Amino acid sequence: MGNFAFMKDTKRLIIYLVLVFAITWALEFFVVYPISEKYGYGKNILAQGIVAAMMFAPALCVLLTRWFTKEGFKNSRLAVNFKGGRWKPYVAAWLLPPVLCALGAVAYFLIYPGRFDANHSYIIQQSAEMGVTVTPEQMEQKVIIDIIAAVLIAPLLNAVTCFGEEWGWRGYMMPKLRKRIKFLPAVLLGGLIWGLWHAPLIALGHNYGMGYFGAPWTGIAMMCLFCIALGTLFTWWCERAGSVWPAVIGHGAVNGFAGAPMYFIADNNHALLGPTAAGLIGGSALIIAAVVVIILQSRQSRKTAVAE
């Protein structure tokens, strides 16, 4: 009976992954790509809107998979329980991502001090190219307000779209992977899958632009590393809370704050390295935090094994 349930769960996971890749990649290759080829990707509202809507694809595929396979909605990871210290992952998910993103940006600017611009010239120039005139004083006020909002409000504001992804990845995929394999291989495989899901957009210039060394393959590899690091933290928090919501909050916090270092960049020619958390140096604090989590999880697993 246990083996039958194992095989049934494996089938459900495969169906989910086939659906989520088929739907999103079909939209990207057959809708977003043609639009981007004709009008450009970076500044095309329609293309950007479709990409934003695709964040709901993982949640949609959870619904479809549960319906197709008659799995139902037990163990959907939607419940919230703050008892027994389970509130701690929520606090960590809200506050830790901005700190880690900021630390990564500081590391980037310490290594490349010539790329730091306290006058926000790059963003002011980008705004001008879009027809928006902003004075340095106005930009200074905007930077302060945006950073405060990114820390205090963004996790909630972004919760709707981030739920679209997280109910799929941390609410459905990861629990099924964790039934089969230990924490480390699960987060490595889960992060790799999540990163590859972004691959067509990375090839379009999402996150890293175009023309960087090894494009688009190095960008795809960097996105996979970024997703492994984030996925490790999110999975850790979700398992401790018994809920998908810490991942939703954490994802919203990252999305809200990750772009803040761009206010201080002199140019955007080195996005593969930073200063945002999606870059190798900009994401260094996230990567270190993920390694710490893996070590803590390994120690806890050994203690549990000894106790048994």
Protein backbone atom coordinates (compact mmCIF):
# COMPACT_ATOMS: atom_id res chain seq x y z
CA MET A 1 0.00 0.00 0.00
CA GLY A 2 2.85 2.39 0.85
CA ASN A 3 4.59 1.65 -2.46
CA PHE A 4 1.35 2.28 -4.35
CA ALA A 5 0.91 5.66 -2.64
CA PHE A 6 4.54 6.49 -3.43
CA MET A 7 4.04 5.75 -7.14
CA LYS A 8 0.77 7.67 -7.19
CA ASP A 9 2.42 10.72 -5.63
CA THR A 10 5.30 10.51 -8.11
CA LYS A 11 2.83 10.49 -10.98
CA ARG A 12 1.12 13.56 -9.58
CA LEU A 13 4.42 15.42 -9.29
CA ILE A 14 5.34 14.57 -12.89
CA ILE A 15 1.93 15.72 -14.12
CA TYR A 16 2.31 18.98 -12.23
CA LEU A 17 5.78 19.67 -13.65
CA VAL A 18 4.71 18.81 -17.22
CA LEU A 19 1.73 21.15 -16.92
CA VAL A 20 3.59 24.08 -15.40
CA PHE A 21 6.43 23.95 -17.93
CA ALA A 22 4.12 23.32 -20.89
CA ILE A 23 1.76 26.20 -20.08
CA THR A 24 4.39 28.81 -19.19
CA TRP A 25 6.92 27.92 -21.88
CA ALA A 26 4.15 27.81 -24.52
CA LEU A 27 3.06 31.33 -23.54
CA GLU A 28 6.65 32.54 -23.55
CA PHE A 29 7.74 30.99 -26.85
CA PHE A 30 4.52 31.55 -28.81
CA VAL A 31 3.23 34.82 -27.31
CA VAL A 32 5.92 36.74 -25.41
CA TYR A 33 8.72 35.97 -27.88
CA PRO A 34 6.83 37.19 -30.99
CA ILE A 35 5.71 40.35 -29.16
CA SER A 36 9.23 41.01 -27.93
CA GLU A 37 10.72 40.41 -31.38
CA LYS A 38 8.36 42.97 -32.87
CA TYR A 39 8.24 45.61 -30.13
CA GLY A 40 11.09 44.78 -27.76
CA TYR A 41 10.81 43.05 -24.40
CA GLY A 42 12.17 45.37 -21.74
CA LYS A 43 9.77 48.26 -22.25
CA ASN A 44 6.75 46.53 -23.80
CA ILE A 45 3.78 46.71 -21.44
CA LEU A 46 1.93 43.77 -23.01
CA ALA A 47 4.91 41.43 -22.78
CA GLN A 48 5.58 42.49 -19.20
CA GLY A 49 1.93 42.00 -18.30
CA ILE A 50 1.88 38.47 -19.68
CA VAL A 51 5.07 37.64 -17.80
CA ALA A 52 3.54 38.96 -14.57
CA ALA A 53 0.39 36.92 -15.16
CA MET A 54 2.48 33.78 -15.60
CA MET A 55 3.36 33.93 -11.91
CA PHE A 56 -0.10 32.42 -11.39
CA ALA A 57 0.67 29.42 -13.62
CA PRO A 58 2.15 27.23 -10.84
CA ALA A 59 -0.95 27.71 -8.66
CA LEU A 60 -3.20 27.03 -11.65
CA CYS A 61 -1.29 23.82 -12.32
CA VAL A 62 -1.73 22.75 -8.70
CA LEU A 63 -5.48 23.10 -9.17
CA LEU A 64 -5.39 21.21 -12.48
CA THR A 65 -3.19 18.42 -11.11
CA ARG A 66 -5.31 17.93 -7.99
CA TRP A 67 -8.42 17.86 -10.19
CA PHE A 68 -7.04 15.55 -12.90
CA THR A 69 -5.63 13.05 -10.43
CA LYS A 70 -8.56 13.29 -7.98
CA GLU A 71 -6.07 14.15 -5.24
CA GLY A 72 -8.39 16.61 -3.57
CA PHE A 73 -7.16 19.44 -1.40
CA LYS A 74 -6.00 17.78 1.77
CA ASN A 75 -2.51 18.80 2.85
CA SER A 76 -2.73 21.90 0.68
CA ARG A 77 -0.42 23.81 3.07
CA LEU A 78 -2.75 26.79 3.24
CA ALA A 79 -3.45 26.70 6.98
CA VAL A 80 -1.81 29.21 9.33
CA ASN A 81 -0.74 28.16 12.83
CA PHE A 82 1.37 30.37 15.09
CA LYS A 83 1.46 27.97 18.05
CA GLY A 84 4.65 26.38 19.32
CA GLY A 85 6.95 28.98 17.81
CA ARG A 86 5.56 28.56 14.32
CA TRP A 87 5.29 32.34 14.05
CA LYS A 88 9.06 32.64 13.82
CA PRO A 89 9.37 31.62 10.13
CA TYR A 90 6.88 34.36 9.22
CA VAL A 91 8.98 37.02 10.93
CA ALA A 92 12.16 35.66 9.37
CA ALA A 93 10.55 35.58 5.92
CA TRP A 94 9.43 39.19 6.27
CA LEU A 95 12.62 40.75 7.66
CA LEU A 96 15.56 38.59 6.62
CA PRO A 97 15.36 38.90 2.77
CA PRO A 98 15.82 42.71 2.74
CA VAL A 99 18.79 42.37 5.10
CA LEU A 100 20.40 39.68 2.94
CA CYS A 101 19.75 41.60 -0.28
CA ALA A 102 21.26 44.73 1.28
CA LEU A 103 24.33 42.85 2.53
CA GLY A 104 24.89 41.39 -0.92
CA ALA A 105 24.66 44.85 -2.47
CA VAL A 106 27.16 46.22 0.07
CA ALA A 107 29.56 43.39 -0.81
CA TYR A 108 29.18 44.21 -4.51
CA PHE A 109 29.92 47.92 -4.04
CA LEU A 110 32.85 47.19 -1.76
CA ILE A 111 34.38 45.04 -4.48
CA TYR A 112 33.46 47.51 -7.24
CA PRO A 113 33.41 50.95 -5.55
CA GLY A 114 33.57 52.70 -8.92
CA ARG A 115 30.12 51.39 -9.76
CA PHE A 116 28.50 53.09 -6.76
CA ASP A 117 26.62 56.31 -7.49
CA ALA A 118 24.98 58.08 -4.56
CA ASN A 119 23.42 60.60 -6.96
CA HIS A 120 21.20 57.97 -8.62
CA SER A 121 22.27 59.17 -12.08
CA TYR A 122 21.54 55.88 -13.84
CA ILE A 123 17.94 55.68 -12.62
CA ILE A 124 17.36 59.37 -13.37
CA GLN A 125 18.64 58.76 -16.90
CA GLN A 126 16.44 55.70 -17.33
CA SER A 127 13.43 57.71 -16.17
CA ALA A 128 14.24 60.47 -18.67
CA GLU A 129 14.38 57.94 -21.51
CA MET A 130 10.85 56.91 -20.55
CA GLY A 131 9.71 60.53 -20.67
CA VAL A 132 9.72 61.11 -16.91
CA THR A 133 11.79 64.01 -15.61
CA VAL A 134 13.02 63.56 -12.03
CA THR A 135 15.30 65.93 -10.15
CA PRO A 136 18.03 64.55 -7.87
CA GLU A 137 16.10 65.85 -4.85
CA GLN A 138 12.92 64.12 -5.98
CA MET A 139 14.81 60.91 -6.64
CA GLU A 140 16.37 61.06 -3.17
CA GLN A 141 12.91 61.24 -1.62
CA LYS A 142 11.68 58.44 -3.86
CA VAL A 143 14.59 56.19 -2.87
CA ILE A 144 13.88 56.66 0.86
CA ILE A 145 10.14 56.08 0.47
CA ASP A 146 10.60 53.06 -1.82
CA ILE A 147 13.09 51.36 0.50
CA ILE A 148 10.85 51.86 3.55
CA ALA A 149 7.85 50.55 1.58
CA ALA A 150 9.91 47.61 0.32
CA VAL A 151 10.66 46.50 3.87
CA LEU A 152 7.34 47.24 5.57
CA ILE A 153 4.66 46.89 2.89
CA ALA A 154 5.98 44.97 -0.13
CA PRO A 155 5.69 41.48 1.43
CA LEU A 156 1.93 42.00 1.73
CA LEU A 157 1.43 43.89 -1.54
CA ASN A 158 3.28 41.20 -3.48
CA ALA A 159 1.55 38.33 -1.69
CA VAL A 160 -1.11 37.82 -4.38
CA THR A 161 1.27 37.29 -7.29
CA CYS A 162 3.86 35.48 -5.17
CA PHE A 163 1.21 33.07 -3.93
CA GLY A 164 0.73 32.12 -7.59
CA GLU A 165 4.27 30.76 -7.65
CA GLU A 166 4.74 29.58 -4.09
CA TRP A 167 1.65 27.40 -3.81
CA GLY A 168 3.10 25.51 -6.75
CA TRP A 169 6.77 25.30 -5.81
CA ARG A 170 6.80 25.24 -2.00
CA GLY A 171 3.18 24.22 -1.46
CA TYR A 172 3.10 21.29 -3.90
CA MET A 173 6.42 20.39 -5.54
CA MET A 174 8.70 20.54 -2.49
CA PRO A 175 6.50 18.51 -0.10
CA LYS A 176 6.35 15.75 -2.71
CA LEU A 177 10.10 15.86 -3.28
CA ARG A 178 10.72 15.78 0.47
CA LYS A 179 8.72 12.56 0.77
CA ARG A 180 11.30 10.93 -1.48
CA ILE A 181 14.65 12.53 -0.81
CA LYS A 182 16.51 14.33 1.97
CA PHE A 183 16.59 18.09 2.44
CA LEU A 184 19.80 18.87 0.52
CA PRO A 185 19.06 16.96 -2.70
CA ALA A 186 15.45 18.16 -2.52
CA VAL A 187 16.33 21.86 -2.38
CA LEU A 188 19.02 21.43 -5.03
CA LEU A 189 16.65 19.67 -7.41
CA GLY A 190 13.71 21.93 -6.56
CA GLY A 191 15.79 25.08 -7.05
CA LEU A 192 17.15 23.77 -10.35
CA ILE A 193 13.62 23.10 -11.61
CA TRP A 194 12.46 26.53 -10.46
CA GLY A 195 15.45 28.21 -12.11
CA LEU A 196 15.00 26.37 -15.43
CA TRP A 197 11.34 27.42 -15.42
CA HIS A 198 12.67 30.98 -15.85
CA ALA A 199 15.06 30.04 -18.68
CA PRO A 200 13.09 31.40 -21.68
CA LEU A 201 12.72 34.79 -19.97
CA ILE A 202 16.41 34.92 -19.07
CA ALA A 203 17.19 34.31 -22.75
CA LEU A 204 14.99 37.33 -23.54
CA GLY A 205 17.02 39.55 -21.24
CA HIS A 206 14.95 39.31 -18.06
CA ASN A 207 17.05 40.01 -14.93
CA TYR A 208 20.44 40.13 -16.67
CA GLY A 209 19.88 41.97 -19.92
CA MET A 210 21.71 40.91 -23.08
CA GLY A 211 25.29 40.70 -24.29
CA TYR A 212 26.91 39.56 -21.04
CA PHE A 213 29.60 36.89 -20.97
CA GLY A 214 28.21 33.47 -21.95
CA ALA A 215 24.69 34.76 -22.54
CA PRO A 216 22.15 33.36 -22.11
CA TRP A 217 23.60 30.21 -20.52
CA THR A 218 25.50 31.92 -17.73
CA GLY A 219 22.37 33.92 -16.93
CA ILE A 220 20.28 30.75 -16.77
CA ALA A 221 22.91 29.11 -14.55
CA MET A 222 22.95 32.16 -12.26
CA MET A 223 19.16 32.13 -12.05
CA CYS A 224 19.27 28.45 -11.04
CA LEU A 225 21.79 29.25 -8.29
CA PHE A 226 19.62 32.16 -7.13
CA CYS A 227 16.54 29.91 -7.06
CA ILE A 228 18.40 27.18 -5.16
CA ALA A 229 19.44 29.69 -2.50
CA LEU A 230 15.97 31.23 -2.20
CA GLY A 231 14.24 27.86 -2.42
CA THR A 232 16.38 26.53 0.43
CA LEU A 233 15.31 29.36 2.72
CA PHE A 234 11.67 29.19 1.66
CA THR A 235 11.49 25.41 2.09
CA TRP A 236 13.12 25.64 5.53
CA TRP A 237 10.60 28.24 6.68
CA CYS A 238 7.61 26.39 5.22
CA GLU A 239 8.53 23.10 6.85
CA ARG A 240 8.84 24.79 10.22
CA ALA A 241 5.57 26.65 9.85
CA GLY A 242 3.71 23.75 8.23
CA SER A 243 2.39 26.26 5.72
CA VAL A 244 3.19 27.82 2.35
CA TRP A 245 2.67 31.37 3.63
CA PRO A 246 6.22 32.06 4.88
CA ALA A 247 7.42 31.40 1.33
CA VAL A 248 4.77 33.75 -0.04
CA ILE A 249 5.89 36.47 2.38
CA GLY A 250 9.58 35.81 1.74
CA HIS A 251 9.10 35.87 -2.03
CA GLY A 252 7.18 39.13 -1.72
CA ALA A 253 9.94 40.60 0.45
CA VAL A 254 12.62 39.64 -2.09
CA ASN A 255 10.65 40.99 -5.03
CA GLY A 256 9.98 44.19 -3.14
CA PHE A 257 13.55 44.91 -2.08
CA ALA A 258 15.73 43.19 -4.69
CA GLY A 259 15.65 46.16 -7.06
CA ALA A 260 16.59 48.73 -4.40
CA PRO A 261 20.37 48.51 -5.03
CA MET A 262 19.75 49.64 -8.62
CA TYR A 263 19.15 53.14 -7.28
CA PHE A 264 22.85 53.30 -6.47
CA ILE A 265 24.37 51.74 -9.59
CA ALA A 266 26.43 53.79 -12.05
CA ASP A 267 25.47 51.49 -14.96
CA ASN A 268 23.78 48.16 -15.52
CA ASN A 269 26.54 46.40 -17.43
CA HIS A 270 27.37 43.78 -14.81
CA ALA A 271 23.97 42.42 -13.76
CA LEU A 272 25.30 38.86 -13.69
CA LEU A 273 27.38 39.87 -10.66
CA GLY A 274 25.10 42.40 -8.96
CA PRO A 275 24.19 44.59 -7.25
CA THR A 276 20.77 42.88 -7.07
CA ALA A 277 20.38 39.57 -5.27
CA ALA A 278 19.99 37.78 -8.62
CA GLY A 279 23.70 38.41 -9.26
CA LEU A 280 26.54 36.25 -7.96
CA ILE A 281 27.98 38.86 -5.60
CA GLY A 282 24.69 40.64 -4.92
CA GLY A 283 23.21 37.28 -3.94
CA SER A 284 26.20 36.17 -1.88
CA ALA A 285 24.46 36.78 1.46
CA LEU A 286 21.47 34.72 0.32
CA ILE A 287 23.78 31.92 -0.76
CA ILE A 288 25.61 31.96 2.57
CA ALA A 289 22.29 31.94 4.45
CA ALA A 290 21.18 28.93 2.38
CA VAL A 291 24.39 27.08 3.24
CA VAL A 292 23.80 27.81 6.94
CA VAL A 293 20.26 26.44 6.66
CA ILE A 294 21.55 23.26 4.98
CA ILE A 295 24.08 22.77 7.81
CA LEU A 296 21.41 23.34 10.48
CA GLN A 297 19.03 20.93 8.75
CA SER A 298 21.78 18.31 8.48
CA ARG A 299 22.57 18.59 12.20
CA GLN A 300 18.91 18.35 13.09
CA SER A 301 18.48 15.27 10.91
CA ARG A 302 21.46 13.58 12.60
CA LYS A 303 20.05 14.35 16.06
CA THR A 304 16.68 12.94 15.05
CA ALA A 305 18.29 9.81 13.67
CA VAL A 306 20.28 9.29 16.91
CA ALA A 307 17.16 9.83 19.04
CA GLU A 308 15.29 7.19 17.06
